[in-house]
């Protein structure tokens, strides 16, 4: 999927949403042995790791290079940094001191990180 064009990715997503809607109409609740009734439909949260390479003007992002606290003067696309702030982590194109990620530290600053860890995003 990483090599899909934007239109292909939108079409793929549309197909998957249609499949889920179809399945949801066909699912009937199920009663467990203890009497509990389960709808057999479950929801989950999906977190993604923004990649710097995807935040381009051609894709409709504000790619204005900006710096922020913790980035040691390095500049990254504005919308990429906003995505990191929301998701918690982002993968950068060029490692800094061997670190491939930027992490949002929840105290109004970013930091370079070795790898994504399972921390809650600042939503």
PDB file of N, CA and C in Angstrom:
ATOM      1  N   UNK A   1       0.804  -1.189   0.000  1.00  0.00           N
ATOM      2  CA  UNK A   1       0.000   0.000   0.000  1.00  0.00           C
ATOM      3  C   UNK A   1       0.852   1.260   0.000  1.00  0.00           C
ATOM      4  N   UNK A   2       2.083   1.202   0.473  1.00  0.00           N
ATOM      5  CA  UNK A   2       2.938   2.382   0.512  1.00  0.00           C
ATOM      6  C   UNK A   2       3.165   2.964  -0.871  1.00  0.00           C
ATOM      7  N   UNK A   3       3.062   2.157  -1.919  1.00  0.00           N
ATOM      8  CA  UNK A   3       3.336   2.632  -3.275  1.00  0.00           C
ATOM      9  C   UNK A   3       2.079   3.046  -4.027  1.00  0.00           C
ATOM     10  N   UNK A   4       0.926   3.036  -3.372  1.00  0.00           N
ATOM     11  CA  UNK A   4      -0.316   3.422  -4.031  1.00  0.00           C
ATOM     12  C   UNK A   4      -0.366   4.935  -4.220  1.00  0.00           C
ATOM     13  N   UNK A   5      -0.920   5.358  -5.348  1.00  0.00           N
ATOM     14  CA  UNK A   5      -1.170   6.776  -5.575  1.00  0.00           C
ATOM     15  C   UNK A   5      -2.351   7.181  -4.696  1.00  0.00           C
ATOM     16  N   UNK A   6      -2.521   8.473  -4.471  1.00  0.00           N
ATOM     17  CA  UNK A   6      -3.602   8.955  -3.613  1.00  0.00           C
ATOM     18  C   UNK A   6      -4.968   8.476  -4.074  1.00  0.00           C
ATOM     19  N   UNK A   7      -5.238   8.549  -5.383  1.00  0.00           N
ATOM     20  CA  UNK A   7      -6.535   8.102  -5.907  1.00  0.00           C
ATOM     21  C   UNK A   7      -6.746   6.611  -5.685  1.00  0.00           C
ATOM     22  N   UNK A   8      -5.690   5.818  -5.850  1.00  0.00           N
ATOM     23  CA  UNK A   8      -5.791   4.369  -5.614  1.00  0.00           C
ATOM     24  C   UNK A   8      -6.082   4.090  -4.141  1.00  0.00           C
ATOM     25  N   UNK A   9      -5.427   4.826  -3.258  1.00  0.00           N
ATOM     26  CA  UNK A   9      -5.630   4.644  -1.827  1.00  0.00           C
ATOM     27  C   UNK A   9      -7.056   5.017  -1.428  1.00  0.00           C
ATOM     28  N   UNK A  10      -7.577   6.114  -1.979  1.00  0.00           N
ATOM     29  CA  UNK A  10      -8.957   6.508  -1.705  1.00  0.00           C
ATOM     30  C   UNK A  10      -9.936   5.437  -2.196  1.00  0.00           C
ATOM     31  N   UNK A  11      -9.703   4.901  -3.384  1.00  0.00           N
ATOM     32  CA  UNK A  11     -10.577   3.859  -3.939  1.00  0.00           C
ATOM     33  C   UNK A  11     -10.524   2.603  -3.065  1.00  0.00           C
ATOM     34  N   UNK A  12      -9.330   2.220  -2.628  1.00  0.00           N
ATOM     35  CA  UNK A  12      -9.164   1.041  -1.766  1.00  0.00           C
ATOM     36  C   UNK A  12      -9.920   1.244  -0.455  1.00  0.00           C
ATOM     37  N   UNK A  13      -9.761   2.432   0.140  1.00  0.00           N
ATOM     38  CA  UNK A  13     -10.456   2.740   1.388  1.00  0.00           C
ATOM     39  C   UNK A  13     -11.970   2.696   1.170  1.00  0.00           C
ATOM     40  N   UNK A  14     -12.446   3.272   0.085  1.00  0.00           N
ATOM     41  CA  UNK A  14     -13.873   3.255  -0.216  1.00  0.00           C
ATOM     42  C   UNK A  14     -14.420   1.853  -0.335  1.00  0.00           C
ATOM     43  N   UNK A  15     -13.647   0.979  -0.965  1.00  0.00           N
ATOM     44  CA  UNK A  15     -14.054  -0.426  -1.119  1.00  0.00           C
ATOM     45  C   UNK A  15     -14.145  -1.103   0.244  1.00  0.00           C
ATOM     46  N   UNK A  16     -13.155  -0.873   1.104  1.00  0.00           N
ATOM     47  CA  UNK A  16     -13.157  -1.499   2.433  1.00  0.00           C
ATOM     48  C   UNK A  16     -14.313  -0.982   3.286  1.00  0.00           C
ATOM     49  N   UNK A  17     -14.620   0.313   3.196  1.00  0.00           N
ATOM     50  CA  UNK A  17     -15.744   0.877   3.943  1.00  0.00           C
ATOM     51  C   UNK A  17     -17.050   0.250   3.469  1.00  0.00           C
ATOM     52  N   UNK A  18     -17.208   0.103   2.152  1.00  0.00           N
ATOM     53  CA  UNK A  18     -18.416  -0.524   1.607  1.00  0.00           C
ATOM     54  C   UNK A  18     -18.556  -1.963   2.100  1.00  0.00           C
ATOM     55  N   UNK A  19     -17.448  -2.698   2.134  1.00  0.00           N
ATOM     56  CA  UNK A  19     -17.481  -4.085   2.625  1.00  0.00           C
ATOM     57  C   UNK A  19     -17.907  -4.134   4.091  1.00  0.00           C
ATOM     58  N   UNK A  20     -17.373  -3.235   4.903  1.00  0.00           N
ATOM     59  CA  UNK A  20     -17.721  -3.205   6.329  1.00  0.00           C
ATOM     60  C   UNK A  20     -19.192  -2.861   6.532  1.00  0.00           C
ATOM     61  N   UNK A  21     -19.700  -1.905   5.761  1.00  0.00           N
ATOM     62  CA  UNK A  21     -21.117  -1.539   5.876  1.00  0.00           C
ATOM     63  C   UNK A  21     -22.009  -2.717   5.500  1.00  0.00           C
ATOM     64  N   UNK A  22     -21.637  -3.441   4.460  1.00  0.00           N
ATOM     65  CA  UNK A  22     -22.402  -4.614   4.039  1.00  0.00           C
ATOM     66  C   UNK A  22     -22.401  -5.670   5.148  1.00  0.00           C
ATOM     67  N   UNK A  23     -21.250  -5.947   5.690  1.00  0.00           N
ATOM     68  CA  UNK A  23     -21.145  -6.953   6.765  1.00  0.00           C
ATOM     69  C   UNK A  23     -21.941  -6.533   7.998  1.00  0.00           C
ATOM     70  N   UNK A  24     -21.921  -5.245   8.321  1.00  0.00           N
ATOM     71  CA  UNK A  24     -22.628  -4.755   9.505  1.00  0.00           C
ATOM     72  C   UNK A  24     -24.138  -4.962   9.368  1.00  0.00           C
ATOM     73  N   UNK A  25     -24.668  -4.845   8.157  1.00  0.00           N
ATOM     74  CA  UNK A  25     -26.104  -5.064   7.944  1.00  0.00           C
ATOM     75  C   UNK A  25     -26.491  -6.527   8.125  1.00  0.00           C
ATOM     76  N   UNK A  26     -25.561  -7.425   7.920  1.00  0.00           N
ATOM     77  CA  UNK A  26     -25.854  -8.861   7.952  1.00  0.00           C
ATOM     78  C   UNK A  26     -25.597  -9.508   9.320  1.00  0.00           C
ATOM     79  N   UNK A  27     -24.949  -8.806  10.218  1.00  0.00           N
ATOM     80  CA  UNK A  27     -24.580  -9.370  11.520  1.00  0.00           C
ATOM     81  C   UNK A  27     -25.777  -9.336  12.465  1.00  0.00           C
ATOM     82  N   UNK A  28     -25.991 -10.438  13.154  1.00  0.00           N
ATOM     83  CA  UNK A  28     -27.056 -10.535  14.152  1.00  0.00           C
ATOM     84  C   UNK A  28     -26.422 -10.719  15.530  1.00  0.00           C
ATOM     85  N   UNK A  29     -27.050 -10.109  16.557  1.00  0.00           N
ATOM     86  CA  UNK A  29     -26.500 -10.259  17.914  1.00  0.00           C
ATOM     87  C   UNK A  29     -26.436 -11.723  18.327  1.00  0.00           C
ATOM     88  N   UNK A  30     -25.513 -12.018  19.215  1.00  0.00           N
ATOM     89  CA  UNK A  30     -25.331 -13.386  19.686  1.00  0.00           C
ATOM     90  C   UNK A  30     -25.396 -13.390  21.209  1.00  0.00           C
ATOM     91  N   UNK A  31     -26.071 -14.386  21.773  1.00  0.00           N
ATOM     92  CA  UNK A  31     -26.169 -14.477  23.222  1.00  0.00           C
ATOM     93  C   UNK A  31     -25.153 -15.485  23.730  1.00  0.00           C
ATOM     94  N   UNK A  32     -24.374 -15.058  24.701  1.00  0.00           N
ATOM     95  CA  UNK A  32     -23.350 -15.916  25.299  1.00  0.00           C
ATOM     96  C   UNK A  32     -23.991 -16.827  26.350  1.00  0.00           C
ATOM     97  N   UNK A  33     -23.233 -17.824  26.801  1.00  0.00           N
ATOM     98  CA  UNK A  33     -23.728 -18.794  27.783  1.00  0.00           C
ATOM     99  C   UNK A  33     -24.184 -18.120  29.072  1.00  0.00           C
ATOM    100  N   UNK A  34     -23.550 -17.006  29.431  1.00  0.00           N
ATOM    101  CA  UNK A  34     -23.911 -16.320  30.678  1.00  0.00           C
ATOM    102  C   UNK A  34     -25.113 -15.385  30.498  1.00  0.00           C
ATOM    103  N   UNK A  35     -25.704 -15.378  29.308  1.00  0.00           N
ATOM    104  CA  UNK A  35     -26.874 -14.558  29.046  1.00  0.00           C
ATOM    105  C   UNK A  35     -26.577 -13.193  28.439  1.00  0.00           C
ATOM    106  N   UNK A  36     -25.314 -12.796  28.431  1.00  0.00           N
ATOM    107  CA  UNK A  36     -24.944 -11.501  27.856  1.00  0.00           C
ATOM    108  C   UNK A  36     -25.165 -11.528  26.342  1.00  0.00           C
ATOM    109  N   UNK A  37     -25.637 -10.426  25.823  1.00  0.00           N
ATOM    110  CA  UNK A  37     -25.875 -10.330  24.389  1.00  0.00           C
ATOM    111  C   UNK A  37     -24.810  -9.415  23.778  1.00  0.00           C
ATOM    112  N   UNK A  38     -24.144  -9.933  22.766  1.00  0.00           N
ATOM    113  CA  UNK A  38     -23.091  -9.181  22.086  1.00  0.00           C
ATOM    114  C   UNK A  38     -23.523  -8.876  20.658  1.00  0.00           C
ATOM    115  N   UNK A  39     -23.324  -7.650  20.226  1.00  0.00           N
ATOM    116  CA  UNK A  39     -23.742  -7.291  18.875  1.00  0.00           C
ATOM    117  C   UNK A  39     -22.835  -7.884  17.799  1.00  0.00           C
ATOM    118  N   UNK A  40     -21.721  -8.464  18.170  1.00  0.00           N
ATOM    119  CA  UNK A  40     -20.736  -9.050  17.258  1.00  0.00           C
ATOM    120  C   UNK A  40     -20.095  -8.011  16.353  1.00  0.00           C
ATOM    121  N   UNK A  41     -20.260  -6.763  16.708  1.00  0.00           N
ATOM    122  CA  UNK A  41     -19.565  -5.682  16.002  1.00  0.00           C
ATOM    123  C   UNK A  41     -18.743  -4.962  17.057  1.00  0.00           C
ATOM    124  N   UNK A  42     -17.467  -4.838  16.805  1.00  0.00           N
ATOM    125  CA  UNK A  42     -16.585  -4.189  17.757  1.00  0.00           C
ATOM    126  C   UNK A  42     -15.876  -3.034  17.068  1.00  0.00           C
ATOM    127  N   UNK A  43     -15.572  -2.032  17.825  1.00  0.00           N
ATOM    128  CA  UNK A  43     -14.882  -0.859  17.303  1.00  0.00           C
ATOM    129  C   UNK A  43     -13.494  -0.795  17.918  1.00  0.00           C
ATOM    130  N   UNK A  44     -12.554  -0.321  17.148  1.00  0.00           N
ATOM    131  CA  UNK A  44     -11.205  -0.179  17.674  1.00  0.00           C
ATOM    132  C   UNK A  44     -10.643   1.167  17.242  1.00  0.00           C
ATOM    133  N   UNK A  45      -9.660   1.626  17.956  1.00  0.00           N
ATOM    134  CA  UNK A  45      -8.957   2.863  17.599  1.00  0.00           C
ATOM    135  C   UNK A  45      -7.748   2.495  16.759  1.00  0.00           C
ATOM    136  N   UNK A  46      -7.514   3.270  15.748  1.00  0.00           N
ATOM    137  CA  UNK A  46      -6.365   3.032  14.882  1.00  0.00           C
ATOM    138  C   UNK A  46      -5.431   4.229  14.990  1.00  0.00           C
ATOM    139  N   UNK A  47      -4.194   3.957  15.275  1.00  0.00           N
ATOM    140  CA  UNK A  47      -3.185   5.001  15.313  1.00  0.00           C
ATOM    141  C   UNK A  47      -2.238   4.765  14.149  1.00  0.00           C
ATOM    142  N   UNK A  48      -1.817   5.822  13.551  1.00  0.00           N
ATOM    143  CA  UNK A  48      -0.874   5.686  12.457  1.00  0.00           C
ATOM    144  C   UNK A  48       0.346   6.532  12.764  1.00  0.00           C
ATOM    145  N   UNK A  49       1.427   6.231  12.116  1.00  0.00           N
ATOM    146  CA  UNK A  49       2.641   7.016  12.276  1.00  0.00           C
ATOM    147  C   UNK A  49       2.825   7.859  11.022  1.00  0.00           C
ATOM    148  N   UNK A  50       2.655   9.179  11.149  1.00  0.00           N
ATOM    149  CA  UNK A  50       2.866  10.042   9.987  1.00  0.00           C
ATOM    150  C   UNK A  50       4.299   9.917   9.472  1.00  0.00           C
ATOM    151  N   UNK A  51       4.456   9.938   8.156  1.00  0.00           N
ATOM    152  CA  UNK A  51       5.781   9.899   7.531  1.00  0.00           C
ATOM    153  C   UNK A  51       6.038  11.246   6.863  1.00  0.00           C
ATOM    154  N   UNK A  52       7.175  11.823   7.160  1.00  0.00           N
ATOM    155  CA  UNK A  52       7.521  13.131   6.602  1.00  0.00           C
ATOM    156  C   UNK A  52       7.381  13.150   5.085  1.00  0.00           C
ATOM    157  N   UNK A  53       7.766  12.071   4.432  1.00  0.00           N
ATOM    158  CA  UNK A  53       7.756  12.015   2.967  1.00  0.00           C
ATOM    159  C   UNK A  53       6.363  12.201   2.369  1.00  0.00           C
ATOM    160  N   UNK A  54       5.317  11.947   3.128  1.00  0.00           N
ATOM    161  CA  UNK A  54       3.969  12.075   2.606  1.00  0.00           C
ATOM    162  C   UNK A  54       3.373  13.464   2.697  1.00  0.00           C
ATOM    163  N   UNK A  55       4.025  14.363   3.404  1.00  0.00           N
ATOM    164  CA  UNK A  55       3.469  15.697   3.622  1.00  0.00           C
ATOM    165  C   UNK A  55       4.000  16.675   2.581  1.00  0.00           C
ATOM    166  N   UNK A  56       3.383  16.611   1.406  1.00  0.00           N
ATOM    167  CA  UNK A  56       3.814  17.435   0.280  1.00  0.00           C
ATOM    168  C   UNK A  56       2.694  18.371  -0.158  1.00  0.00           C
ATOM    169  N   UNK A  57       3.071  19.429  -0.855  1.00  0.00           N
ATOM    170  CA  UNK A  57       2.106  20.369  -1.411  1.00  0.00           C
ATOM    171  C   UNK A  57       1.200  19.649  -2.403  1.00  0.00           C
ATOM    172  N   UNK A  58       1.774  18.740  -3.196  1.00  0.00           N
ATOM    173  CA  UNK A  58       1.005  17.999  -4.197  1.00  0.00           C
ATOM    174  C   UNK A  58      -0.126  17.190  -3.567  1.00  0.00           C
ATOM    175  N   UNK A  59       0.040  16.800  -2.338  1.00  0.00           N
ATOM    176  CA  UNK A  59      -0.995  16.024  -1.639  1.00  0.00           C
ATOM    177  C   UNK A  59      -1.920  16.915  -0.824  1.00  0.00           C
ATOM    178  N   UNK A  60      -1.748  18.221  -0.963  1.00  0.00           N
ATOM    179  CA  UNK A  60      -2.657  19.160  -0.310  1.00  0.00           C
ATOM    180  C   UNK A  60      -2.263  19.593   1.087  1.00  0.00           C
ATOM    181  N   UNK A  61      -1.037  19.334   1.486  1.00  0.00           N
ATOM    182  CA  UNK A  61      -0.583  19.714   2.823  1.00  0.00           C
ATOM    183  C   UNK A  61       0.134  21.054   2.806  1.00  0.00           C
ATOM    184  N   UNK A  62       0.155  21.697   3.965  1.00  0.00           N
ATOM    185  CA  UNK A  62       0.986  22.889   4.135  1.00  0.00           C
ATOM    186  C   UNK A  62       2.383  22.370   4.439  1.00  0.00           C
ATOM    187  N   UNK A  63       3.244  22.433   3.452  1.00  0.00           N
ATOM    188  CA  UNK A  63       4.596  21.891   3.588  1.00  0.00           C
ATOM    189  C   UNK A  63       5.609  22.975   3.919  1.00  0.00           C
ATOM    190  N   UNK A  64       5.134  24.121   4.407  1.00  0.00           N
ATOM    191  CA  UNK A  64       6.034  25.200   4.795  1.00  0.00           C
ATOM    192  C   UNK A  64       7.011  24.682   5.843  1.00  0.00           C
ATOM    193  N   UNK A  65       8.328  24.789   5.584  1.00  0.00           N
ATOM    194  CA  UNK A  65       9.304  24.307   6.566  1.00  0.00           C
ATOM    195  C   UNK A  65       9.321  25.206   7.807  1.00  0.00           C
ATOM    196  N   UNK A  66       9.088  24.601   8.965  1.00  0.00           N
ATOM    197  CA  UNK A  66       9.147  25.350  10.220  1.00  0.00           C
ATOM    198  C   UNK A  66       9.953  24.549  11.244  1.00  0.00           C
ATOM    199  N   UNK A  67      10.412  25.250  12.261  1.00  0.00           N
ATOM    200  CA  UNK A  67      11.080  24.574  13.366  1.00  0.00           C
ATOM    201  C   UNK A  67      10.248  24.800  14.616  1.00  0.00           C
ATOM    202  N   UNK A  68      10.542  24.060  15.648  1.00  0.00           N
ATOM    203  CA  UNK A  68       9.808  24.182  16.905  1.00  0.00           C
ATOM    204  C   UNK A  68      10.729  23.762  18.042  1.00  0.00           C
ATOM    205  N   UNK A  69      10.291  24.015  19.248  1.00  0.00           N
ATOM    206  CA  UNK A  69      11.074  23.674  20.432  1.00  0.00           C
ATOM    207  C   UNK A  69      11.413  22.186  20.441  1.00  0.00           C
ATOM    208  N   UNK A  70      12.688  21.889  20.655  1.00  0.00           N
ATOM    209  CA  UNK A  70      13.156  20.510  20.731  1.00  0.00           C
ATOM    210  C   UNK A  70      13.736  19.975  19.439  1.00  0.00           C
ATOM    211  N   UNK A  71      13.573  20.705  18.324  1.00  0.00           N
ATOM    212  CA  UNK A  71      14.040  20.214  17.024  1.00  0.00           C
ATOM    213  C   UNK A  71      15.436  20.723  16.666  1.00  0.00           C
ATOM    214  N   UNK A  72      16.062  21.418  17.574  1.00  0.00           N
ATOM    215  CA  UNK A  72      17.448  21.891  17.393  1.00  0.00           C
ATOM    216  C   UNK A  72      17.631  22.688  16.102  1.00  0.00           C
ATOM    217  N   UNK A  73      16.639  23.483  15.767  1.00  0.00           N
ATOM    218  CA  UNK A  73      16.728  24.340  14.589  1.00  0.00           C
ATOM    219  C   UNK A  73      16.405  23.653  13.272  1.00  0.00           C
ATOM    220  N   UNK A  74      16.211  22.357  13.289  1.00  0.00           N
ATOM    221  CA  UNK A  74      15.863  21.650  12.046  1.00  0.00           C
ATOM    222  C   UNK A  74      14.428  21.985  11.663  1.00  0.00           C
ATOM    223  N   UNK A  75      14.163  22.022  10.360  1.00  0.00           N
ATOM    224  CA  UNK A  75      12.840  22.397   9.873  1.00  0.00           C
ATOM    225  C   UNK A  75      12.138  21.208   9.223  1.00  0.00           C
ATOM    226  N   UNK A  76      10.827  21.139   9.473  1.00  0.00           N
ATOM    227  CA  UNK A  76       9.982  20.084   8.930  1.00  0.00           C
ATOM    228  C   UNK A  76       8.679  20.699   8.443  1.00  0.00           C
ATOM    229  N   UNK A  77       7.956  20.014   7.534  1.00  0.00           N
ATOM    230  CA  UNK A  77       6.692  20.563   7.039  1.00  0.00           C
ATOM    231  C   UNK A  77       5.702  20.841   8.184  1.00  0.00           C
ATOM    232  N   UNK A  78       5.046  21.997   8.111  1.00  0.00           N
ATOM    233  CA  UNK A  78       4.123  22.433   9.170  1.00  0.00           C
ATOM    234  C   UNK A  78       3.068  21.361   9.486  1.00  0.00           C
ATOM    235  N   UNK A  79       2.401  20.825   8.466  1.00  0.00           N
ATOM    236  CA  UNK A  79       1.348  19.841   8.716  1.00  0.00           C
ATOM    237  C   UNK A  79       1.896  18.525   9.263  1.00  0.00           C
ATOM    238  N   UNK A  80       3.134  18.184   8.928  1.00  0.00           N
ATOM    239  CA  UNK A  80       3.774  16.991   9.489  1.00  0.00           C
ATOM    240  C   UNK A  80       3.924  17.150  10.999  1.00  0.00           C
ATOM    241  N   UNK A  81       4.384  18.315  11.437  1.00  0.00           N
ATOM    242  CA  UNK A  81       4.545  18.549  12.878  1.00  0.00           C
ATOM    243  C   UNK A  81       3.192  18.562  13.587  1.00  0.00           C
ATOM    244  N   UNK A  82       2.166  19.090  12.943  1.00  0.00           N
ATOM    245  CA  UNK A  82       0.824  19.058  13.545  1.00  0.00           C
ATOM    246  C   UNK A  82       0.322  17.619  13.686  1.00  0.00           C
ATOM    247  N   UNK A  83       0.610  16.781  12.683  1.00  0.00           N
ATOM    248  CA  UNK A  83       0.209  15.369  12.747  1.00  0.00           C
ATOM    249  C   UNK A  83       0.944  14.650  13.881  1.00  0.00           C
ATOM    250  N   UNK A  84       2.217  14.972  14.064  1.00  0.00           N
ATOM    251  CA  UNK A  84       2.986  14.371  15.163  1.00  0.00           C
ATOM    252  C   UNK A  84       2.371  14.779  16.500  1.00  0.00           C
ATOM    253  N   UNK A  85       1.997  16.037  16.601  1.00  0.00           N
ATOM    254  CA  UNK A  85       1.400  16.525  17.847  1.00  0.00           C
ATOM    255  C   UNK A  85       0.121  15.746  18.168  1.00  0.00           C
ATOM    256  N   UNK A  86      -0.652  15.415  17.155  1.00  0.00           N
ATOM    257  CA  UNK A  86      -1.895  14.672  17.372  1.00  0.00           C
ATOM    258  C   UNK A  86      -1.652  13.184  17.601  1.00  0.00           C
ATOM    259  N   UNK A  87      -0.778  12.559  16.815  1.00  0.00           N
ATOM    260  CA  UNK A  87      -0.564  11.113  16.874  1.00  0.00           C
ATOM    261  C   UNK A  87       0.500  10.679  17.877  1.00  0.00           C
ATOM    262  N   UNK A  88       1.390  11.594  18.249  1.00  0.00           N
ATOM    263  CA  UNK A  88       2.421  11.261  19.240  1.00  0.00           C
ATOM    264  C   UNK A  88       3.793  11.032  18.657  1.00  0.00           C
ATOM    265  N   UNK A  89       3.875  10.511  17.435  1.00  0.00           N
ATOM    266  CA  UNK A  89       5.155  10.207  16.787  1.00  0.00           C
ATOM    267  C   UNK A  89       5.060  10.464  15.295  1.00  0.00           C
ATOM    268  N   UNK A  90       6.207  10.661  14.665  1.00  0.00           N
ATOM    269  CA  UNK A  90       6.283  10.751  13.215  1.00  0.00           C
ATOM    270  C   UNK A  90       7.639  10.262  12.747  1.00  0.00           C
ATOM    271  N   UNK A  91       7.679   9.639  11.579  1.00  0.00           N
ATOM    272  CA  UNK A  91       8.934   9.119  11.010  1.00  0.00           C
ATOM    273  C   UNK A  91       9.529  10.167  10.073  1.00  0.00           C
ATOM    274  N   UNK A  92      10.803  10.477  10.284  1.00  0.00           N
ATOM    275  CA  UNK A  92      11.475  11.493   9.480  1.00  0.00           C
ATOM    276  C   UNK A  92      12.296  10.866   8.363  1.00  0.00           C
ATOM    277  N   UNK A  93      12.546  11.659   7.317  1.00  0.00           N
ATOM    278  CA  UNK A  93      13.291  11.172   6.155  1.00  0.00           C
ATOM    279  C   UNK A  93      14.752  10.891   6.464  1.00  0.00           C
ATOM    280  N   UNK A  94      15.375  11.783   7.198  1.00  0.00           N
ATOM    281  CA  UNK A  94      16.808  11.665   7.517  1.00  0.00           C
ATOM    282  C   UNK A  94      16.977  11.545   9.021  1.00  0.00           C
ATOM    283  N   UNK A  95      17.609  10.479   9.511  1.00  0.00           N
ATOM    284  CA  UNK A  95      17.815  10.325  10.956  1.00  0.00           C
ATOM    285  C   UNK A  95      18.637  11.472  11.542  1.00  0.00           C
ATOM    286  N   UNK A  96      18.366  11.778  12.796  1.00  0.00           N
ATOM    287  CA  UNK A  96      19.127  12.774  13.546  1.00  0.00           C
ATOM    288  C   UNK A  96      19.781  12.037  14.705  1.00  0.00           C
ATOM    289  N   UNK A  97      21.094  12.022  14.727  1.00  0.00           N
ATOM    290  CA  UNK A  97      21.849  11.279  15.751  1.00  0.00           C
ATOM    291  C   UNK A  97      21.383   9.827  15.834  1.00  0.00           C
ATOM    292  N   UNK A  98      21.097   9.226  14.685  1.00  0.00           N
ATOM    293  CA  UNK A  98      20.674   7.836  14.632  1.00  0.00           C
ATOM    294  C   UNK A  98      19.216   7.608  14.983  1.00  0.00           C
ATOM    295  N   UNK A  99      18.482   8.680  15.209  1.00  0.00           N
ATOM    296  CA  UNK A  99      17.068   8.551  15.584  1.00  0.00           C
ATOM    297  C   UNK A  99      16.192   8.836  14.367  1.00  0.00           C
ATOM    298  N   UNK A 100      15.246   7.930  14.100  1.00  0.00           N
ATOM    299  CA  UNK A 100      14.393   8.010  12.907  1.00  0.00           C
ATOM    300  C   UNK A 100      13.025   8.618  13.149  1.00  0.00           C
ATOM    301  N   UNK A 101      12.738   9.019  14.368  1.00  0.00           N
ATOM    302  CA  UNK A 101      11.408   9.516  14.711  1.00  0.00           C
ATOM    303  C   UNK A 101      11.486  10.840  15.456  1.00  0.00           C
ATOM    304  N   UNK A 102      10.375  11.581  15.376  1.00  0.00           N
ATOM    305  CA  UNK A 102      10.159  12.745  16.232  1.00  0.00           C
ATOM    306  C   UNK A 102       8.983  12.394  17.125  1.00  0.00           C
ATOM    307  N   UNK A 103       9.103  12.738  18.382  1.00  0.00           N
ATOM    308  CA  UNK A 103       8.059  12.451  19.368  1.00  0.00           C
ATOM    309  C   UNK A 103       7.522  13.762  19.932  1.00  0.00           C
ATOM    310  N   UNK A 104       6.215  13.844  20.148  1.00  0.00           N
ATOM    311  CA  UNK A 104       5.616  14.982  20.834  1.00  0.00           C
ATOM    312  C   UNK A 104       5.678  14.697  22.324  1.00  0.00           C
ATOM    313  N   UNK A 105       6.248  15.628  23.074  1.00  0.00           N
ATOM    314  CA  UNK A 105       6.507  15.393  24.494  1.00  0.00           C
ATOM    315  C   UNK A 105       5.401  15.884  25.433  1.00  0.00           C
ATOM    316  N   UNK A 106       4.307  16.426  24.910  1.00  0.00           N
ATOM    317  CA  UNK A 106       3.172  16.896  25.712  1.00  0.00           C
ATOM    318  C   UNK A 106       3.490  18.066  26.627  1.00  0.00           C
ATOM    319  N   UNK A 107       4.668  18.620  26.532  1.00  0.00           N
ATOM    320  CA  UNK A 107       4.968  19.836  27.298  1.00  0.00           C
ATOM    321  C   UNK A 107       5.430  20.932  26.335  1.00  0.00           C
ATOM    322  N   UNK A 108       4.738  20.985  25.206  1.00  0.00           N
ATOM    323  CA  UNK A 108       4.982  21.992  24.168  1.00  0.00           C
ATOM    324  C   UNK A 108       6.364  21.901  23.539  1.00  0.00           C
ATOM    325  N   UNK A 109       6.851  20.686  23.376  1.00  0.00           N
ATOM    326  CA  UNK A 109       8.119  20.510  22.666  1.00  0.00           C
ATOM    327  C   UNK A 109       8.155  19.134  22.016  1.00  0.00           C
ATOM    328  N   UNK A 110       9.035  19.023  21.048  1.00  0.00           N
ATOM    329  CA  UNK A 110       9.281  17.763  20.346  1.00  0.00           C
ATOM    330  C   UNK A 110      10.621  17.217  20.796  1.00  0.00           C
ATOM    331  N   UNK A 111      10.878  15.941  20.496  1.00  0.00           N
ATOM    332  CA  UNK A 111      12.178  15.333  20.768  1.00  0.00           C
ATOM    333  C   UNK A 111      12.424  14.249  19.719  1.00  0.00           C
ATOM    334  N   UNK A 112      13.676  14.018  19.399  1.00  0.00           N
ATOM    335  CA  UNK A 112      14.024  12.945  18.476  1.00  0.00           C
ATOM    336  C   UNK A 112      14.010  11.631  19.244  1.00  0.00           C
ATOM    337  N   UNK A 113      13.544  10.564  18.606  1.00  0.00           N
ATOM    338  CA  UNK A 113      13.389   9.278  19.290  1.00  0.00           C
ATOM    339  C   UNK A 113      13.910   8.144  18.409  1.00  0.00           C
ATOM    340  N   UNK A 114      14.369   7.064  19.058  1.00  0.00           N
ATOM    341  CA  UNK A 114      14.885   5.892  18.348  1.00  0.00           C
ATOM    342  C   UNK A 114      13.787   5.149  17.609  1.00  0.00           C
ATOM    343  N   UNK A 115      12.658   4.957  18.272  1.00  0.00           N
ATOM    344  CA  UNK A 115      11.564   4.193  17.680  1.00  0.00           C
ATOM    345  C   UNK A 115      10.265   4.622  18.331  1.00  0.00           C
ATOM    346  N   UNK A 116       9.182   4.344  17.645  1.00  0.00           N
ATOM    347  CA  UNK A 116       7.870   4.650  18.195  1.00  0.00           C
ATOM    348  C   UNK A 116       7.628   3.755  19.407  1.00  0.00           C
ATOM    349  N   UNK A 117       7.066   4.322  20.443  1.00  0.00           N
ATOM    350  CA  UNK A 117       6.685   3.510  21.594  1.00  0.00           C
ATOM    351  C   UNK A 117       5.181   3.635  21.775  1.00  0.00           C
ATOM    352  N   UNK A 118       4.608   2.784  22.547  1.00  0.00           N
ATOM    353  CA  UNK A 118       3.164   2.789  22.728  1.00  0.00           C
ATOM    354  C   UNK A 118       2.755   3.771  23.811  1.00  0.00           C
ATOM    355  N   UNK A 119       2.743   5.026  23.435  1.00  0.00           N
ATOM    356  CA  UNK A 119       2.265   6.060  24.345  1.00  0.00           C
ATOM    357  C   UNK A 119       1.004   6.653  23.755  1.00  0.00           C
ATOM    358  N   UNK A 120       0.142   7.139  24.608  1.00  0.00           N
ATOM    359  CA  UNK A 120      -1.093   7.741  24.122  1.00  0.00           C
ATOM    360  C   UNK A 120      -0.792   9.051  23.411  1.00  0.00           C
ATOM    361  N   UNK A 121      -1.476   9.271  22.341  1.00  0.00           N
ATOM    362  CA  UNK A 121      -1.322  10.525  21.595  1.00  0.00           C
ATOM    363  C   UNK A 121      -2.039  11.639  22.359  1.00  0.00           C
ATOM    364  N   UNK A 122      -1.657  12.842  22.069  1.00  0.00           N
ATOM    365  CA  UNK A 122      -2.279  14.004  22.688  1.00  0.00           C
ATOM    366  C   UNK A 122      -3.489  14.398  21.858  1.00  0.00           C
ATOM    367  N   UNK A 123      -4.638  13.820  22.176  1.00  0.00           N
ATOM    368  CA  UNK A 123      -5.852  14.065  21.378  1.00  0.00           C
ATOM    369  C   UNK A 123      -6.678  15.168  21.985  1.00  0.00           C
TER     370      UNK A 123
END
